[in-house]
Amino acid sequence: MQLSKQTLNQPLNQPIEQVYDVLVIGGGAAGLSAGIYLQRYLLSTLIVDKGKARSHWMQELHNYLGLPPNTPGQDVLKQGKAHYLALEGDYLNGYVQTVIDEGETFAVHVQIGRKSPTEAVFRSRYLIAASGIIDHLPKLDDMQNVFDYAGHNLHVCLICDGYEMRDKRAGVFGSSESSLEVAFSLGWFTPNITLFTNGEFDVGQELRDRLTQKGYRLVEQPIKKFLGENHQMTGVQLSDGSVVELDTGLVSMGSKYHADYLKGIDLEYKGGNLVTDPMNRTSHPRIFAVGDLKLGMNQVVIAAADGALAATQIWRDIRRAEGTRRSPLITAA
């Protein structure tokens, strides 16, 4: 089955014969950037996206060069997708289940649809893992109450949003004793910090003493709900009914890495992150990792650069192996 250069939503019920130069898993900033560069390098590309890019729920990108500071992340992704499709790249809404290394190609098994899912297998010579992460959030009985503020003034990235919390009453929401260490870095931006354990873990005396020395408050009661309106969090109500007033918050609870499809391939990791070289090549010569999956800073602008680097290195690999690629628009004299 020869796929057309468009968004692929139709059922795929025939064997797919095309072997792509590159299959990109993930349609966030890193994946779209890679796809744009690959298409401009005249390489055949398929992006498979499950539609849950981390930057999609970022309400405002305050630190992306050249964009108004109130630009929503989803606007960046929408424009990036349109750019990629204009370059005639293939795009599929689907969920990558497994990747099998066949030697010269990868077999990528994709689930398409949720209510009545179908499966298709795509093949490519190179693979770019750009499927990203999703941040763990405080576990409350009403998770919608958390979603109402996450991505607004309830932040998940100190490097991205420390400036937004300057001199404000900030809450730090952790999942372990070590996760609360971020408070000491946040202290660069504001001295008004309250730390919350949500009653889920104990805090040792050494950390307690350090927090006391800094004048930070530690709250160990379970959280009943976040308070606020119009997506602006103003505090939390604890299980005993008392209220802690806040102007902003930082969630420091770790992340889920969306790379289970690579479990069958022997790759080097550090923690949950894939180890890569300066051009984002993993320990496998034909697998690249970009964006939040790789070691480094979790920033939209860096993810976009990651995609450009990986695409450029793949083009170099293919060009060196194959020599000049004749354009189909050029005919012999």
Protein backbone atom coordinates (compact mmCIF):
# COMPACT_ATOMS: atom_id res chain seq x y z
CA MET A 1 0.00 0.00 0.00
CA GLN A 2 1.53 3.31 -1.09
CA LEU A 3 0.69 6.02 1.41
CA SER A 4 -0.22 9.48 0.21
CA LYS A 5 1.44 12.63 1.53
CA GLN A 6 -1.24 13.70 3.97
CA THR A 7 -2.67 13.07 7.39
CA LEU A 8 -3.56 9.39 7.38
CA ASN A 9 -6.89 8.76 9.07
CA GLN A 10 -8.29 6.06 6.82
CA PRO A 11 -8.24 2.38 7.87
CA LEU A 12 -5.07 0.61 6.80
CA ASN A 13 -6.19 -2.85 5.77
CA GLN A 14 -3.53 -3.69 3.20
CA PRO A 15 0.15 -4.53 3.61
CA ILE A 16 2.27 -1.39 3.60
CA GLU A 17 5.14 -1.83 1.19
CA GLN A 18 6.88 1.51 1.52
CA VAL A 19 10.06 1.64 3.59
CA TYR A 20 10.52 5.11 4.98
CA ASP A 21 13.90 6.68 5.39
CA VAL A 22 12.86 7.78 8.88
CA LEU A 23 9.92 7.08 11.15
CA VAL A 24 9.44 9.66 13.90
CA ILE A 25 7.54 8.58 17.01
CA GLY A 26 5.91 11.64 18.53
CA GLY A 27 4.43 14.81 17.10
CA GLY A 28 5.57 17.33 19.69
CA ALA A 29 8.07 20.13 19.13
CA ALA A 30 11.01 17.75 18.76
CA GLY A 31 9.27 15.33 16.41
CA LEU A 32 7.78 18.02 14.19
CA SER A 33 11.09 19.84 13.98
CA ALA A 34 12.80 16.61 12.95
CA GLY A 35 10.10 15.92 10.36
CA ILE A 36 10.40 19.38 8.83
CA TYR A 37 14.16 19.07 8.47
CA LEU A 38 13.94 15.53 7.11
CA GLN A 39 11.46 16.53 4.43
CA ARG A 40 13.64 19.48 3.47
CA TYR A 41 16.52 17.02 3.11
CA LEU A 42 14.37 15.10 0.58
CA LEU A 43 14.01 12.08 2.84
CA SER A 44 10.76 10.13 3.18
CA THR A 45 9.27 10.59 6.64
CA LEU A 46 6.34 9.33 8.66
CA ILE A 47 5.40 10.90 11.99
CA VAL A 48 3.26 8.71 14.25
CA ASP A 49 1.68 10.77 17.01
CA LYS A 50 -0.55 9.68 19.88
CA GLY A 51 -1.73 13.27 20.43
CA LYS A 52 -0.45 13.84 23.97
CA ALA A 53 2.53 16.14 23.50
CA ARG A 54 3.63 17.71 26.78
CA SER A 55 3.73 21.15 25.19
CA HIS A 56 0.09 20.83 24.09
CA TRP A 57 -1.19 21.71 27.56
CA MET A 58 1.34 24.51 28.16
CA GLN A 59 -0.91 27.55 28.27
CA GLU A 60 1.80 30.13 27.54
CA LEU A 61 5.36 29.84 26.26
CA HIS A 62 7.19 32.68 27.95
CA ASN A 63 10.72 31.89 26.82
CA TYR A 64 10.55 30.86 23.16
CA LEU A 65 12.57 33.27 21.04
CA GLY A 66 10.51 35.31 18.61
CA LEU A 67 7.06 34.35 19.91
CA PRO A 68 4.72 36.55 21.97
CA PRO A 69 4.97 35.41 25.61
CA ASN A 70 1.29 34.45 25.72
CA THR A 71 1.58 31.96 22.82
CA PRO A 72 -0.09 28.64 23.77
CA GLY A 73 1.91 25.49 23.18
CA GLN A 74 -0.88 24.03 21.06
CA ASP A 75 -0.54 26.95 18.62
CA VAL A 76 3.13 26.11 18.12
CA LEU A 77 2.26 22.46 17.48
CA LYS A 78 -0.56 23.36 15.08
CA GLN A 79 1.72 25.57 13.02
CA GLY A 80 4.51 22.98 13.13
CA LYS A 81 2.21 20.25 11.87
CA ALA A 82 0.94 22.45 9.05
CA HIS A 83 4.52 23.24 8.05
CA TYR A 84 5.45 19.56 8.02
CA LEU A 85 2.42 18.56 5.94
CA ALA A 86 3.12 21.38 3.50
CA LEU A 87 6.47 19.67 2.87
CA GLU A 88 4.55 16.49 1.94
CA GLY A 89 5.46 14.43 4.96
CA ASP A 90 3.22 11.58 6.11
CA TYR A 91 1.47 11.91 9.46
CA LEU A 92 -0.53 9.27 11.33
CA ASN A 93 -2.55 9.52 14.53
CA GLY A 94 -1.67 6.28 16.28
CA TYR A 95 0.02 4.60 19.21
CA VAL A 96 3.33 2.81 18.72
CA GLN A 97 3.23 -0.51 20.56
CA THR A 98 6.53 -2.16 19.70
CA VAL A 99 9.60 -1.62 17.56
CA ILE A 100 11.49 -4.62 16.18
CA ASP A 101 15.01 -4.27 14.82
CA GLU A 102 15.10 -6.33 11.62
CA GLY A 103 18.68 -5.49 10.74
CA GLU A 104 18.49 -3.02 7.88
CA THR A 105 15.01 -1.83 8.83
CA PHE A 106 12.79 -1.38 11.84
CA ALA A 107 9.29 -2.86 11.98
CA VAL A 108 7.09 -0.41 13.88
CA HIS A 109 3.79 -1.85 15.10
CA VAL A 110 1.14 0.86 15.43
CA GLN A 111 -2.34 0.75 16.96
CA ILE A 112 -4.75 3.06 15.14
CA GLY A 113 -8.01 4.14 16.73
CA ARG A 114 -9.38 3.50 20.22
CA LYS A 115 -12.97 2.33 19.95
CA SER A 116 -12.33 -0.23 17.22
CA PRO A 117 -8.53 -0.27 16.96
CA THR A 118 -6.68 -1.67 14.00
CA GLU A 119 -2.98 -2.45 13.71
CA ALA A 120 -0.51 -1.60 10.99
CA VAL A 121 3.20 -2.29 10.61
CA PHE A 122 5.45 0.37 9.10
CA ARG A 123 9.09 -0.02 8.18
CA SER A 124 11.89 2.51 8.19
CA ARG A 125 15.65 2.61 7.98
CA TYR A 126 16.05 5.06 10.84
CA LEU A 127 14.00 5.79 13.93
CA ILE A 128 13.64 8.99 15.93
CA ALA A 129 12.10 8.56 19.39
CA ALA A 130 10.34 11.83 20.18
CA SER A 131 7.45 10.52 22.27
CA GLY A 132 8.34 12.55 25.34
CA ILE A 133 7.17 12.36 28.91
CA ILE A 134 4.11 13.20 30.96
CA ASP A 135 4.46 14.77 34.38
CA HIS A 136 3.04 13.09 37.46
CA LEU A 137 0.60 15.35 39.30
CA PRO A 138 -0.68 15.36 42.89
CA LYS A 139 -3.15 12.52 43.41
CA LEU A 140 -6.44 13.87 44.68
CA ASP A 141 -9.89 12.32 44.72
CA ASP A 142 -10.98 14.84 42.09
CA MET A 143 -8.19 14.95 39.51
CA GLN A 144 -10.11 17.49 37.42
CA ASN A 145 -9.44 19.89 40.28
CA VAL A 146 -5.71 19.44 39.57
CA PHE A 147 -6.09 19.71 35.80
CA ASP A 148 -7.89 23.04 36.25
CA TYR A 149 -4.62 24.66 37.34
CA ALA A 150 -1.83 22.51 35.88
CA GLY A 151 -0.10 24.38 33.08
CA HIS A 152 -1.47 27.72 34.28
CA ASN A 153 0.08 28.89 37.57
CA LEU A 154 0.66 25.34 38.81
CA HIS A 155 3.97 24.68 37.07
CA VAL A 156 6.06 21.55 36.46
CA CYS A 157 9.36 23.04 35.27
CA LEU A 158 11.54 25.27 37.43
CA ILE A 159 13.83 26.23 34.56
CA CYS A 160 10.86 27.19 32.38
CA ASP A 161 8.82 28.97 35.01
CA GLY A 162 10.99 30.00 37.94
CA TYR A 163 10.74 33.57 36.69
CA GLU A 164 6.94 33.35 36.82
CA MET A 165 7.15 32.51 40.53
CA ARG A 166 9.49 35.31 41.56
CA ASP A 167 8.66 36.82 44.99
CA LYS A 168 5.36 34.93 45.12
CA ARG A 169 3.99 32.57 47.77
CA ALA A 170 4.94 29.28 46.13
CA GLY A 171 3.91 25.75 47.02
CA VAL A 172 6.19 22.82 46.19
CA PHE A 173 4.36 19.51 45.75
CA GLY A 174 6.60 16.46 46.02
CA SER A 175 6.38 12.69 45.83
CA SER A 176 9.46 11.80 47.89
CA GLU A 177 11.94 13.42 50.23
CA SER A 178 14.44 13.92 47.42
CA SER A 179 11.81 15.60 45.22
CA LEU A 180 11.53 18.42 47.78
CA GLU A 181 15.16 19.39 47.15
CA VAL A 182 13.94 21.55 44.29
CA ALA A 183 12.82 24.07 46.92
CA PHE A 184 16.42 25.19 47.44
CA SER A 185 16.73 26.06 43.74
CA LEU A 186 13.33 27.72 43.75
CA GLY A 187 14.64 29.83 46.62
CA TRP A 188 16.67 31.77 44.04
CA PHE A 189 13.37 33.21 42.75
CA THR A 190 11.29 33.50 45.92
CA PRO A 191 11.85 33.10 49.68
CA ASN A 192 8.16 32.37 50.32
CA ILE A 193 8.01 28.59 49.95
CA THR A 194 5.70 26.00 51.48
CA LEU A 195 6.35 22.31 50.84
CA PHE A 196 3.61 19.67 50.71
CA THR A 197 3.97 15.91 51.13
CA ASN A 198 0.21 15.22 50.73
CA GLY A 199 0.68 12.73 53.58
CA GLU A 200 2.40 10.26 51.24
CA PHE A 201 5.97 10.10 52.59
CA ASP A 202 8.10 10.94 55.61
CA VAL A 203 10.66 13.69 55.82
CA GLY A 204 13.89 13.06 57.72
CA GLN A 205 15.32 15.33 60.37
CA GLU A 206 18.26 16.49 58.23
CA LEU A 207 15.97 17.90 55.53
CA ARG A 208 13.64 19.35 58.15
CA ASP A 209 16.53 21.26 59.67
CA ARG A 210 17.63 22.62 56.30
CA LEU A 211 14.09 23.76 55.51
CA THR A 212 13.83 25.46 58.89
CA GLN A 213 17.12 27.27 58.34
CA LYS A 214 15.75 28.68 55.10
CA GLY A 215 12.44 29.65 56.68
CA TYR A 216 10.43 27.26 54.50
CA ARG A 217 7.24 25.72 55.83
CA LEU A 218 6.57 21.97 55.65
CA VAL A 219 2.96 20.76 55.46
CA GLU A 220 2.46 16.99 55.83
CA GLN A 221 -1.32 16.71 55.90
CA PRO A 222 -3.16 15.29 52.90
CA ILE A 223 -4.50 17.83 50.43
CA LYS A 224 -8.27 17.88 49.95
CA LYS A 225 -8.35 20.22 46.95
CA PHE A 226 -6.76 23.15 45.20
CA LEU A 227 -8.51 26.50 45.50
CA GLY A 228 -8.87 29.22 42.88
CA GLU A 229 -10.85 30.32 39.87
CA ASN A 230 -10.36 30.94 36.16
CA HIS A 231 -7.46 28.45 36.19
CA GLN A 232 -5.52 30.55 38.70
CA MET A 233 -4.67 28.57 41.83
CA THR A 234 -4.88 30.60 45.06
CA GLY A 235 -4.08 27.94 47.62
CA VAL A 236 -4.91 24.48 48.93
CA GLN A 237 -7.42 23.17 51.40
CA LEU A 238 -6.05 20.44 53.64
CA SER A 239 -7.85 17.38 54.98
CA ASP A 240 -8.61 19.14 58.29
CA GLY A 241 -10.33 22.01 56.45
CA SER A 242 -7.55 24.54 56.97
CA VAL A 243 -6.32 26.61 54.03
CA VAL A 244 -2.80 27.49 52.91
CA GLU A 245 -2.84 30.55 50.68
CA LEU A 246 -0.55 30.50 47.66
CA ASP A 247 0.07 32.54 44.52
CA THR A 248 1.70 29.79 42.49
CA GLY A 249 2.94 26.22 42.71
CA LEU A 250 5.63 23.88 41.44
CA VAL A 251 4.95 20.15 41.02
CA SER A 252 8.08 18.06 41.58
CA MET A 253 6.82 14.50 41.30
CA GLY A 254 8.75 13.00 38.41
CA SER A 255 7.54 11.90 35.01
CA LYS A 256 6.40 8.91 32.99
CA TYR A 257 8.68 8.25 30.00
CA HIS A 258 6.78 7.20 26.88
CA ALA A 259 9.31 4.80 25.42
CA ASP A 260 8.04 1.33 26.33
CA TYR A 261 8.07 0.44 22.63
CA LEU A 262 11.89 0.38 22.79
CA LYS A 263 12.12 -2.25 25.53
CA GLY A 264 13.05 -4.97 23.07
CA ILE A 265 16.13 -3.08 21.89
CA ASP A 266 19.34 -2.87 23.91
CA LEU A 267 19.90 0.86 24.52
CA GLU A 268 21.90 2.82 27.07
CA TYR A 269 19.87 4.69 29.68
CA LYS A 270 20.67 6.95 32.60
CA GLY A 271 17.73 6.94 34.94
CA GLY A 272 14.73 7.08 32.64
CA ASN A 273 16.53 9.06 29.94
CA LEU A 274 18.19 7.71 26.84
CA VAL A 275 21.89 8.48 26.54
CA THR A 276 22.80 10.15 23.24
CA ASP A 277 25.78 11.73 21.53
CA PRO A 278 25.87 15.46 20.59
CA MET A 279 23.75 14.76 17.48
CA ASN A 280 21.21 12.80 19.55
CA ARG A 281 22.20 9.35 18.32
CA THR A 282 21.59 6.64 20.93
CA SER A 283 23.82 3.62 21.51
CA HIS A 284 22.07 2.10 18.48
CA PRO A 285 23.50 3.69 15.31
CA ARG A 286 20.10 4.09 13.61
CA ILE A 287 18.00 5.17 16.58
CA PHE A 288 17.95 8.79 17.72
CA ALA A 289 16.26 10.26 20.79
CA VAL A 290 15.13 13.87 20.98
CA GLY A 291 13.27 16.13 23.38
CA ASP A 292 12.37 15.00 26.86
CA LEU A 293 13.37 11.35 26.31
CA LYS A 294 17.09 12.17 26.17
CA LEU A 295 19.37 13.49 28.85
CA GLY A 296 19.31 17.26 29.04
CA MET A 297 17.01 20.19 29.65
CA ASN A 298 13.28 19.77 29.09
CA GLN A 299 12.62 22.92 27.07
CA VAL A 300 10.50 23.42 23.95
CA VAL A 301 13.20 25.48 22.24
CA ILE A 302 15.81 22.80 22.96
CA ALA A 303 13.47 20.04 21.76
CA ALA A 304 13.11 21.86 18.44
CA ALA A 305 16.89 22.07 18.16
CA ASP A 306 17.18 18.37 19.04
CA GLY A 307 14.95 17.48 16.10
CA ALA A 308 17.06 19.55 13.71
CA LEU A 309 20.28 17.92 14.93
CA ALA A 310 18.98 14.35 14.63
CA ALA A 311 17.52 14.95 11.17
CA THR A 312 20.76 16.50 9.96
CA GLN A 313 22.87 13.59 11.20
CA ILE A 314 20.57 11.06 9.55
CA TRP A 315 20.81 12.98 6.27
CA ARG A 316 24.58 12.94 6.57
CA ASP A 317 24.56 9.19 7.19
CA ILE A 318 22.36 8.47 4.19
CA ARG A 319 24.16 10.94 1.91
CA ARG A 320 27.56 9.46 2.74
CA ALA A 321 26.28 5.94 2.17
CA GLU A 322 24.43 6.65 -1.07
CA GLY A 323 26.20 9.63 -2.63
CA THR A 324 24.17 12.10 -4.69
CA ARG A 325 20.43 11.55 -4.71
CA ARG A 326 19.03 12.55 -8.12
CA SER A 327 15.86 14.60 -7.94
CA PRO A 328 12.94 13.08 -9.89
CA LEU A 329 12.39 16.54 -11.43
CA ILE A 330 15.80 16.42 -13.11
CA THR A 331 16.06 14.47 -16.36
CA ALA A 332 19.17 13.50 -18.24
CA ALA A 333 20.16 15.78 -21.08
